[in-house]
Structure formats: structure tokens, C-alpha cells
Amino acid sequence: MTVNEILKSETPVLVDFYAEWCGPCKTMAPILKQLKDRKGEDVRIVKIDVDKYPELSGKYKISGVPTLLLFKGGKLLWRQSGVVPLQQLESLI
């Protein structure tokens, strides 16, 4: 399944653009795990390493990490850079 196919899903898809060397990205990882634990099948979480997939980072104009994008049905609904609290993510989804 390609990224484009995943993003067209009617289930909300939260994309986490991150990098291994990024401190705030390491802070974000357990928050995303908690979100998945709480929301289960109501959300898909996709992690994209900006160093391994520079073409995707360029397509979405990712300039800083972490950057989170929320898609549903192929449409970008929300975007934010930096660490996002669990409660804010839950209310979005």
C-alpha cells in the first residue's frame, strides 16, 4: 500500500514527519503511542523519517521536525510543527 492510498482512507491518518537525531521527535513518540492505545482503529499513525524519504518531505514542504499532518479522505485537515500534547491530538481526531 502506498502513502497516497493510505492518505485517501476514510479513517483519519496522522502522519508524523520525524528524524532519528531530533530530540522533540523522541518526546513525541510516546505521545503518539498513547494516542494509538486510546483511539485504536479510529486512527492510523504513519511515521515518516525525513532523512530516508526526502521526496515526501519536499512534497509536503516539511521544514522542521516533528511536523504532524492529519488527513482524511485524501484531504489535509490540520498541520502543526513541534511537540503536540495528547489532549490536543485526541480532540482533533
PDB file of N, CA and C in Angstrom:
ATOM      1  N   MET A   1       0.850  -1.190   0.000  1.00  0.00           N
ATOM      2  CA  MET A   1       0.000   0.000   0.000  1.00  0.00           C
ATOM      3  C   MET A   1       0.892   1.249   0.000  1.00  0.00           C
ATOM      4  N   THR A   2       0.588   2.173  -0.872  1.00  0.00           N
ATOM      5  CA  THR A   2       1.408   3.382  -0.972  1.00  0.00           C
ATOM      6  C   THR A   2       0.925   4.435   0.036  1.00  0.00           C
ATOM      7  N   VAL A   3       1.755   5.436   0.249  1.00  0.00           N
ATOM      8  CA  VAL A   3       1.385   6.540   1.151  1.00  0.00           C
ATOM      9  C   VAL A   3       0.124   7.218   0.640  1.00  0.00           C
ATOM     10  N   ASN A   4       0.030   7.449  -0.671  1.00  0.00           N
ATOM     11  CA  ASN A   4      -1.161   8.099  -1.231  1.00  0.00           C
ATOM     12  C   ASN A   4      -2.430   7.292  -0.974  1.00  0.00           C
ATOM     13  N   GLU A   5      -2.342   5.966  -1.090  1.00  0.00           N
ATOM     14  CA  GLU A   5      -3.505   5.116  -0.811  1.00  0.00           C
ATOM     15  C   GLU A   5      -3.901   5.215   0.660  1.00  0.00           C
ATOM     16  N   ILE A   6      -2.905   5.229   1.541  1.00  0.00           N
ATOM     17  CA  ILE A   6      -3.177   5.336   2.976  1.00  0.00           C
ATOM     18  C   ILE A   6      -3.853   6.671   3.284  1.00  0.00           C
ATOM     19  N   LEU A   7      -3.360   7.762   2.691  1.00  0.00           N
ATOM     20  CA  LEU A   7      -3.904   9.094   2.977  1.00  0.00           C
ATOM     21  C   LEU A   7      -5.334   9.266   2.483  1.00  0.00           C
ATOM     22  N   LYS A   8      -5.749   8.474   1.507  1.00  0.00           N
ATOM     23  CA  LYS A   8      -7.118   8.572   0.975  1.00  0.00           C
ATOM     24  C   LYS A   8      -8.129   7.833   1.839  1.00  0.00           C
ATOM     25  N   SER A   9      -7.667   7.169   2.877  1.00  0.00           N
ATOM     26  CA  SER A   9      -8.532   6.406   3.767  1.00  0.00           C
ATOM     27  C   SER A   9      -9.568   7.313   4.435  1.00  0.00           C
ATOM     28  N   GLU A  10     -10.752   6.752   4.682  1.00  0.00           N
ATOM     29  CA  GLU A  10     -11.778   7.499   5.423  1.00  0.00           C
ATOM     30  C   GLU A  10     -11.483   7.501   6.923  1.00  0.00           C
ATOM     31  N   THR A  11     -10.591   6.622   7.349  1.00  0.00           N
ATOM     32  CA  THR A  11     -10.109   6.663   8.729  1.00  0.00           C
ATOM     33  C   THR A  11      -9.087   7.791   8.805  1.00  0.00           C
ATOM     34  N   PRO A  12      -9.160   8.663   9.818  1.00  0.00           N
ATOM     35  CA  PRO A  12      -8.158   9.717   9.927  1.00  0.00           C
ATOM     36  C   PRO A  12      -6.738   9.130   9.970  1.00  0.00           C
ATOM     37  N   VAL A  13      -5.827   9.779   9.250  1.00  0.00           N
ATOM     38  CA  VAL A  13      -4.438   9.344   9.190  1.00  0.00           C
ATOM     39  C   VAL A  13      -3.566  10.482   9.709  1.00  0.00           C
ATOM     40  N   LEU A  14      -2.846  10.207  10.797  1.00  0.00           N
ATOM     41  CA  LEU A  14      -1.929  11.189  11.372  1.00  0.00           C
ATOM     42  C   LEU A  14      -0.522  10.833  10.906  1.00  0.00           C
ATOM     43  N   VAL A  15       0.099  11.739  10.164  1.00  0.00           N
ATOM     44  CA  VAL A  15       1.443  11.498   9.641  1.00  0.00           C
ATOM     45  C   VAL A  15       2.436  12.276  10.492  1.00  0.00           C
ATOM     46  N   ASP A  16       3.424  11.565  11.003  1.00  0.00           N
ATOM     47  CA  ASP A  16       4.474  12.155  11.832  1.00  0.00           C
ATOM     48  C   ASP A  16       5.760  12.184  11.018  1.00  0.00           C
ATOM     49  N   PHE A  17       6.152  13.370  10.558  1.00  0.00           N
ATOM     50  CA  PHE A  17       7.452  13.535   9.911  1.00  0.00           C
ATOM     51  C   PHE A  17       8.469  13.752  11.021  1.00  0.00           C
ATOM     52  N   TYR A  18       9.465  12.864  11.085  1.00  0.00           N
ATOM     53  CA  TYR A  18      10.426  12.908  12.184  1.00  0.00           C
ATOM     54  C   TYR A  18      11.837  12.608  11.674  1.00  0.00           C
ATOM     55  N   ALA A  19      12.804  12.722  12.584  1.00  0.00           N
ATOM     56  CA  ALA A  19      14.185  12.327  12.288  1.00  0.00           C
ATOM     57  C   ALA A  19      14.760  11.647  13.524  1.00  0.00           C
ATOM     58  N   GLU A  20      15.636  10.666  13.286  1.00  0.00           N
ATOM     59  CA  GLU A  20      16.254   9.912  14.392  1.00  0.00           C
ATOM     60  C   GLU A  20      17.019  10.820  15.354  1.00  0.00           C
ATOM     61  N   TRP A  21      17.644  11.881  14.825  1.00  0.00           N
ATOM     62  CA  TRP A  21      18.511  12.759  15.610  1.00  0.00           C
ATOM     63  C   TRP A  21      17.739  13.868  16.328  1.00  0.00           C
ATOM     64  N   CYS A  22      16.435  13.907  16.159  1.00  0.00           N
ATOM     65  CA  CYS A  22      15.614  15.021  16.658  1.00  0.00           C
ATOM     66  C   CYS A  22      15.108  14.752  18.083  1.00  0.00           C
ATOM     67  N   GLY A  23      15.514  15.596  19.030  1.00  0.00           N
ATOM     68  CA  GLY A  23      15.093  15.462  20.425  1.00  0.00           C
ATOM     69  C   GLY A  23      13.586  15.555  20.616  1.00  0.00           C
ATOM     70  N   PRO A  24      12.938  16.623  20.097  1.00  0.00           N
ATOM     71  CA  PRO A  24      11.479  16.726  20.241  1.00  0.00           C
ATOM     72  C   PRO A  24      10.730  15.554  19.602  1.00  0.00           C
ATOM     73  N   CYS A  25      11.306  14.954  18.554  1.00  0.00           N
ATOM     74  CA  CYS A  25      10.670  13.783  17.929  1.00  0.00           C
ATOM     75  C   CYS A  25      10.629  12.623  18.906  1.00  0.00           C
ATOM     76  N   LYS A  26      11.691  12.484  19.705  1.00  0.00           N
ATOM     77  CA  LYS A  26      11.734  11.420  20.712  1.00  0.00           C
ATOM     78  C   LYS A  26      10.685  11.665  21.793  1.00  0.00           C
ATOM     79  N   THR A  27      10.413  12.933  22.085  1.00  0.00           N
ATOM     80  CA  THR A  27       9.358  13.291  23.047  1.00  0.00           C
ATOM     81  C   THR A  27       7.986  12.949  22.485  1.00  0.00           C
ATOM     82  N   MET A  28       7.832  13.126  21.182  1.00  0.00           N
ATOM     83  CA  MET A  28       6.543  12.911  20.519  1.00  0.00           C
ATOM     84  C   MET A  28       6.183  11.429  20.426  1.00  0.00           C
ATOM     85  N   ALA A  29       7.177  10.549  20.312  1.00  0.00           N
ATOM     86  CA  ALA A  29       6.928   9.115  20.097  1.00  0.00           C
ATOM     87  C   ALA A  29       5.998   8.489  21.139  1.00  0.00           C
ATOM     88  N   PRO A  30       6.247   8.657  22.457  1.00  0.00           N
ATOM     89  CA  PRO A  30       5.326   8.045  23.427  1.00  0.00           C
ATOM     90  C   PRO A  30       3.928   8.681  23.412  1.00  0.00           C
ATOM     91  N   ILE A  31       3.831   9.948  23.038  1.00  0.00           N
ATOM     92  CA  ILE A  31       2.522  10.615  22.934  1.00  0.00           C
ATOM     93  C   ILE A  31       1.716   9.944  21.816  1.00  0.00           C
ATOM     94  N   LEU A  32       2.379   9.673  20.684  1.00  0.00           N
ATOM     95  CA  LEU A  32       1.691   9.015  19.571  1.00  0.00           C
ATOM     96  C   LEU A  32       1.284   7.594  19.943  1.00  0.00           C
ATOM     97  N   LYS A  33       2.123   6.905  20.715  1.00  0.00           N
ATOM     98  CA  LYS A  33       1.786   5.551  21.158  1.00  0.00           C
ATOM     99  C   LYS A  33       0.552   5.590  22.061  1.00  0.00           C
ATOM    100  N   GLN A  34       0.503   6.555  22.980  1.00  0.00           N
ATOM    101  CA  GLN A  34      -0.666   6.700  23.859  1.00  0.00           C
ATOM    102  C   GLN A  34      -1.919   6.984  23.037  1.00  0.00           C
ATOM    103  N   LEU A  35      -1.780   7.853  22.029  1.00  0.00           N
ATOM    104  CA  LEU A  35      -2.912   8.192  21.173  1.00  0.00           C
ATOM    105  C   LEU A  35      -3.439   6.934  20.482  1.00  0.00           C
ATOM    106  N   LYS A  36      -2.535   6.115  19.941  1.00  0.00           N
ATOM    107  CA  LYS A  36      -2.933   4.879  19.269  1.00  0.00           C
ATOM    108  C   LYS A  36      -3.588   3.914  20.260  1.00  0.00           C
ATOM    109  N   ASP A  37      -3.033   3.827  21.470  1.00  0.00           N
ATOM    110  CA  ASP A  37      -3.613   2.960  22.505  1.00  0.00           C
ATOM    111  C   ASP A  37      -5.036   3.385  22.851  1.00  0.00           C
ATOM    112  N   ARG A  38      -5.283   4.691  22.890  1.00  0.00           N
ATOM    113  CA  ARG A  38      -6.602   5.201  23.268  1.00  0.00           C
ATOM    114  C   ARG A  38      -7.602   5.154  22.120  1.00  0.00           C
ATOM    115  N   LYS A  39      -7.136   5.453  20.895  1.00  0.00           N
ATOM    116  CA  LYS A  39      -8.043   5.570  19.745  1.00  0.00           C
ATOM    117  C   LYS A  39      -8.153   4.290  18.931  1.00  0.00           C
ATOM    118  N   GLY A  40      -7.164   3.394  19.045  1.00  0.00           N
ATOM    119  CA  GLY A  40      -7.219   2.111  18.352  1.00  0.00           C
ATOM    120  C   GLY A  40      -7.407   2.256  16.854  1.00  0.00           C
ATOM    121  N   GLU A  41      -8.457   1.588  16.342  1.00  0.00           N
ATOM    122  CA  GLU A  41      -8.713   1.573  14.895  1.00  0.00           C
ATOM    123  C   GLU A  41      -9.336   2.867  14.374  1.00  0.00           C
ATOM    124  N   ASP A  42      -9.613   3.827  15.274  1.00  0.00           N
ATOM    125  CA  ASP A  42     -10.204   5.101  14.846  1.00  0.00           C
ATOM    126  C   ASP A  42      -9.183   6.023  14.194  1.00  0.00           C
ATOM    127  N   VAL A  43      -7.903   5.649  14.243  1.00  0.00           N
ATOM    128  CA  VAL A  43      -6.854   6.493  13.643  1.00  0.00           C
ATOM    129  C   VAL A  43      -5.712   5.603  13.155  1.00  0.00           C
ATOM    130  N   ARG A  44      -5.100   6.018  12.054  1.00  0.00           N
ATOM    131  CA  ARG A  44      -3.861   5.385  11.601  1.00  0.00           C
ATOM    132  C   ARG A  44      -2.745   6.379  11.837  1.00  0.00           C
ATOM    133  N   ILE A  45      -1.636   5.903  12.352  1.00  0.00           N
ATOM    134  CA  ILE A  45      -0.483   6.766  12.582  1.00  0.00           C
ATOM    135  C   ILE A  45       0.646   6.261  11.690  1.00  0.00           C
ATOM    136  N   VAL A  46       1.162   7.164  10.874  1.00  0.00           N
ATOM    137  CA  VAL A  46       2.232   6.830   9.944  1.00  0.00           C
ATOM    138  C   VAL A  46       3.434   7.700  10.281  1.00  0.00           C
ATOM    139  N   LYS A  47       4.571   7.042  10.518  1.00  0.00           N
ATOM    140  CA  LYS A  47       5.795   7.778  10.821  1.00  0.00           C
ATOM    141  C   LYS A  47       6.684   7.791   9.584  1.00  0.00           C
ATOM    142  N   ILE A  48       7.143   8.979   9.188  1.00  0.00           N
ATOM    143  CA  ILE A  48       7.991   9.112   8.003  1.00  0.00           C
ATOM    144  C   ILE A  48       9.292   9.799   8.407  1.00  0.00           C
ATOM    145  N   ASP A  49      10.392   9.093   8.221  1.00  0.00           N
ATOM    146  CA  ASP A  49      11.730   9.618   8.527  1.00  0.00           C
ATOM    147  C   ASP A  49      12.138  10.560   7.393  1.00  0.00           C
ATOM    148  N   VAL A  50      12.319  11.850   7.713  1.00  0.00           N
ATOM    149  CA  VAL A  50      12.629  12.842   6.678  1.00  0.00           C
ATOM    150  C   VAL A  50      13.969  12.568   5.994  1.00  0.00           C
ATOM    151  N   ASP A  51      14.888  11.909   6.687  1.00  0.00           N
ATOM    152  CA  ASP A  51      16.184  11.605   6.083  1.00  0.00           C
ATOM    153  C   ASP A  51      16.096  10.444   5.096  1.00  0.00           C
ATOM    154  N   LYS A  52      15.166   9.519   5.319  1.00  0.00           N
ATOM    155  CA  LYS A  52      15.006   8.362   4.431  1.00  0.00           C
ATOM    156  C   LYS A  52      14.060   8.660   3.266  1.00  0.00           C
ATOM    157  N   TYR A  53      13.151   9.603   3.445  1.00  0.00           N
ATOM    158  CA  TYR A  53      12.148   9.911   2.414  1.00  0.00           C
ATOM    159  C   TYR A  53      12.113  11.408   2.114  1.00  0.00           C
ATOM    160  N   PRO A  54      13.221  11.951   1.583  1.00  0.00           N
ATOM    161  CA  PRO A  54      13.275  13.402   1.332  1.00  0.00           C
ATOM    162  C   PRO A  54      12.256  13.877   0.302  1.00  0.00           C
ATOM    163  N   GLU A  55      11.848  12.983  -0.640  1.00  0.00           N
ATOM    164  CA  GLU A  55      10.874  13.399  -1.650  1.00  0.00           C
ATOM    165  C   GLU A  55       9.511  13.663  -1.011  1.00  0.00           C
ATOM    166  N   LEU A  56       9.110  12.858  -0.019  1.00  0.00           N
ATOM    167  CA  LEU A  56       7.838  13.096   0.682  1.00  0.00           C
ATOM    168  C   LEU A  56       7.928  14.361   1.531  1.00  0.00           C
ATOM    169  N   SER A  57       9.062  14.556   2.169  1.00  0.00           N
ATOM    170  CA  SER A  57       9.263  15.766   2.979  1.00  0.00           C
ATOM    171  C   SER A  57       9.141  17.005   2.095  1.00  0.00           C
ATOM    172  N   GLY A  58       9.709  16.920   0.892  1.00  0.00           N
ATOM    173  CA  GLY A  58       9.631  18.038  -0.046  1.00  0.00           C
ATOM    174  C   GLY A  58       8.211  18.272  -0.539  1.00  0.00           C
ATOM    175  N   LYS A  59       7.510  17.187  -0.822  1.00  0.00           N
ATOM    176  CA  LYS A  59       6.129  17.297  -1.323  1.00  0.00           C
ATOM    177  C   LYS A  59       5.249  18.058  -0.341  1.00  0.00           C
ATOM    178  N   TYR A  60       5.437  17.801   0.950  1.00  0.00           N
ATOM    179  CA  TYR A  60       4.607  18.453   1.975  1.00  0.00           C
ATOM    180  C   TYR A  60       5.298  19.648   2.618  1.00  0.00           C
ATOM    181  N   LYS A  61       6.421  20.094   2.014  1.00  0.00           N
ATOM    182  CA  LYS A  61       7.141  21.291   2.472  1.00  0.00           C
ATOM    183  C   LYS A  61       7.468  21.230   3.963  1.00  0.00           C
ATOM    184  N   ILE A  62       8.044  20.099   4.374  1.00  0.00           N
ATOM    185  CA  ILE A  62       8.430  19.921   5.768  1.00  0.00           C
ATOM    186  C   ILE A  62       9.756  20.635   5.991  1.00  0.00           C
ATOM    187  N   SER A  63       9.755  21.637   6.853  1.00  0.00           N
ATOM    188  CA  SER A  63      10.989  22.390   7.098  1.00  0.00           C
ATOM    189  C   SER A  63      11.547  22.127   8.488  1.00  0.00           C
ATOM    190  N   GLY A  64      10.722  21.624   9.383  1.00  0.00           N
ATOM    191  CA  GLY A  64      11.176  21.318  10.743  1.00  0.00           C
ATOM    192  C   GLY A  64      10.540  20.028  11.216  1.00  0.00           C
ATOM    193  N   VAL A  65      11.194  19.368  12.149  1.00  0.00           N
ATOM    194  CA  VAL A  65      10.649  18.131  12.700  1.00  0.00           C
ATOM    195  C   VAL A  65      10.549  18.254  14.218  1.00  0.00           C
ATOM    196  N   PRO A  66       9.563  17.629  14.852  1.00  0.00           N
ATOM    197  CA  PRO A  66       8.482  16.875  14.207  1.00  0.00           C
ATOM    198  C   PRO A  66       7.448  17.802  13.582  1.00  0.00           C
ATOM    199  N   THR A  67       6.871  17.361  12.483  1.00  0.00           N
ATOM    200  CA  THR A  67       5.712  18.023  11.883  1.00  0.00           C
ATOM    201  C   THR A  67       4.634  16.957  11.729  1.00  0.00           C
ATOM    202  N   LEU A  68       3.451  17.265  12.229  1.00  0.00           N
ATOM    203  CA  LEU A  68       2.318  16.337  12.162  1.00  0.00           C
ATOM    204  C   LEU A  68       1.299  16.866  11.153  1.00  0.00           C
ATOM    205  N   LEU A  69       0.784  15.961  10.326  1.00  0.00           N
ATOM    206  CA  LEU A  69      -0.258  16.296   9.367  1.00  0.00           C
ATOM    207  C   LEU A  69      -1.403  15.314   9.566  1.00  0.00           C
ATOM    208  N   LEU A  70      -2.630  15.814   9.558  1.00  0.00           N
ATOM    209  CA  LEU A  70      -3.808  14.961   9.700  1.00  0.00           C
ATOM    210  C   LEU A  70      -4.585  14.964   8.391  1.00  0.00           C
ATOM    211  N   PHE A  71      -4.789  13.764   7.837  1.00  0.00           N
ATOM    212  CA  PHE A  71      -5.521  13.587   6.589  1.00  0.00           C
ATOM    213  C   PHE A  71      -6.775  12.757   6.835  1.00  0.00           C
ATOM    214  N   LYS A  72      -7.795  13.028   6.025  1.00  0.00           N
ATOM    215  CA  LYS A  72      -8.973  12.156   5.988  1.00  0.00           C
ATOM    216  C   LYS A  72      -9.531  12.233   4.578  1.00  0.00           C
ATOM    217  N   GLY A  73      -9.721  11.074   3.973  1.00  0.00           N
ATOM    218  CA  GLY A  73     -10.233  11.044   2.613  1.00  0.00           C
ATOM    219  C   GLY A  73      -9.344  11.757   1.614  1.00  0.00           C
ATOM    220  N   GLY A  74      -8.036  11.764   1.872  1.00  0.00           N
ATOM    221  CA  GLY A  74      -7.088  12.400   0.964  1.00  0.00           C
ATOM    222  C   GLY A  74      -6.927  13.894   1.166  1.00  0.00           C
ATOM    223  N   LYS A  75      -7.690  14.479   2.083  1.00  0.00           N
ATOM    224  CA  LYS A  75      -7.608  15.925   2.320  1.00  0.00           C
ATOM    225  C   LYS A  75      -6.785  16.212   3.570  1.00  0.00           C
ATOM    226  N   LEU A  76      -5.920  17.212   3.467  1.00  0.00           N
ATOM    227  CA  LEU A  76      -5.145  17.669   4.615  1.00  0.00           C
ATOM    228  C   LEU A  76      -6.058  18.539   5.474  1.00  0.00           C
ATOM    229  N   LEU A  77      -6.307  18.096   6.713  1.00  0.00           N
ATOM    230  CA  LEU A  77      -7.230  18.822   7.600  1.00  0.00           C
ATOM    231  C   LEU A  77      -6.509  19.701   8.609  1.00  0.00           C
ATOM    232  N   TRP A  78      -5.262  19.327   8.949  1.00  0.00           N
ATOM    233  CA  TRP A  78      -4.574  20.013  10.041  1.00  0.00           C
ATOM    234  C   TRP A  78      -3.079  19.764   9.910  1.00  0.00           C
ATOM    235  N   ARG A  79      -2.288  20.732  10.354  1.00  0.00           N
ATOM    236  CA  ARG A  79      -0.831  20.611  10.291  1.00  0.00           C
ATOM    237  C   ARG A  79      -0.229  21.424  11.432  1.00  0.00           C
ATOM    238  N   GLN A  80       0.773  20.845  12.085  1.00  0.00           N
ATOM    239  CA  GLN A  80       1.458  21.593  13.145  1.00  0.00           C
ATOM    240  C   GLN A  80       2.861  21.033  13.329  1.00  0.00           C
ATOM    241  N   SER A  81       3.798  21.939  13.560  1.00  0.00           N
ATOM    242  CA  SER A  81       5.169  21.526  13.858  1.00  0.00           C
ATOM    243  C   SER A  81       5.406  21.607  15.354  1.00  0.00           C
ATOM    244  N   GLY A  82       6.333  20.782  15.832  1.00  0.00           N
ATOM    245  CA  GLY A  82       6.666  20.773  17.251  1.00  0.00           C
ATOM    246  C   GLY A  82       5.908  19.688  17.996  1.00  0.00           C
ATOM    247  N   VAL A  83       6.170  19.608  19.288  1.00  0.00           N
ATOM    248  CA  VAL A  83       5.521  18.600  20.130  1.00  0.00           C
ATOM    249  C   VAL A  83       4.076  19.036  20.390  1.00  0.00           C
ATOM    250  N   VAL A  84       3.145  18.130  20.140  1.00  0.00           N
ATOM    251  CA  VAL A  84       1.716  18.416  20.319  1.00  0.00           C
ATOM    252  C   VAL A  84       1.203  17.555  21.470  1.00  0.00           C
ATOM    253  N   PRO A  85       0.532  18.168  22.464  1.00  0.00           N
ATOM    254  CA  PRO A  85       0.026  17.398  23.608  1.00  0.00           C
ATOM    255  C   PRO A  85      -1.024  16.362  23.195  1.00  0.00           C
ATOM    256  N   LEU A  86      -1.072  15.284  23.946  1.00  0.00           N
ATOM    257  CA  LEU A  86      -2.009  14.188  23.693  1.00  0.00           C
ATOM    258  C   LEU A  86      -3.455  14.697  23.621  1.00  0.00           C
ATOM    259  N   GLN A  87      -3.848  15.566  24.555  1.00  0.00           N
ATOM    260  CA  GLN A  87      -5.239  16.032  24.602  1.00  0.00           C
ATOM    261  C   GLN A  87      -5.604  16.776  23.319  1.00  0.00           C
ATOM    262  N   GLN A  88      -4.678  17.553  22.781  1.00  0.00           N
ATOM    263  CA  GLN A  88      -4.949  18.295  21.545  1.00  0.00           C
ATOM    264  C   GLN A  88      -5.129  17.312  20.375  1.00  0.00           C
ATOM    265  N   LEU A  89      -4.293  16.295  20.306  1.00  0.00           N
ATOM    266  CA  LEU A  89      -4.420  15.294  19.243  1.00  0.00           C
ATOM    267  C   LEU A  89      -5.744  14.534  19.352  1.00  0.00           C
ATOM    268  N   GLU A  90      -6.106  14.170  20.579  1.00  0.00           N
ATOM    269  CA  GLU A  90      -7.367  13.445  20.780  1.00  0.00           C
ATOM    270  C   GLU A  90      -8.561  14.273  20.334  1.00  0.00           C
ATOM    271  N   SER A  91      -8.549  15.556  20.640  1.00  0.00           N
ATOM    272  CA  SER A  91      -9.684  16.404  20.274  1.00  0.00           C
ATOM    273  C   SER A  91      -9.762  16.600  18.755  1.00  0.00           C
ATOM    274  N   LEU A  92      -8.639  16.538  18.067  1.00  0.00           N
ATOM    275  CA  LEU A  92      -8.628  16.664  16.598  1.00  0.00           C
ATOM    276  C   LEU A  92      -9.268  15.443  15.933  1.00  0.00           C
ATOM    277  N   ILE A  93      -9.025  14.294  16.512  1.00  0.00           N
ATOM    278  CA  ILE A  93      -9.460  13.033  15.892  1.00  0.00           C
ATOM    279  C   ILE A  93     -10.826  12.654  16.436  1.00  0.00           C
TER     280      ILE A  93
END
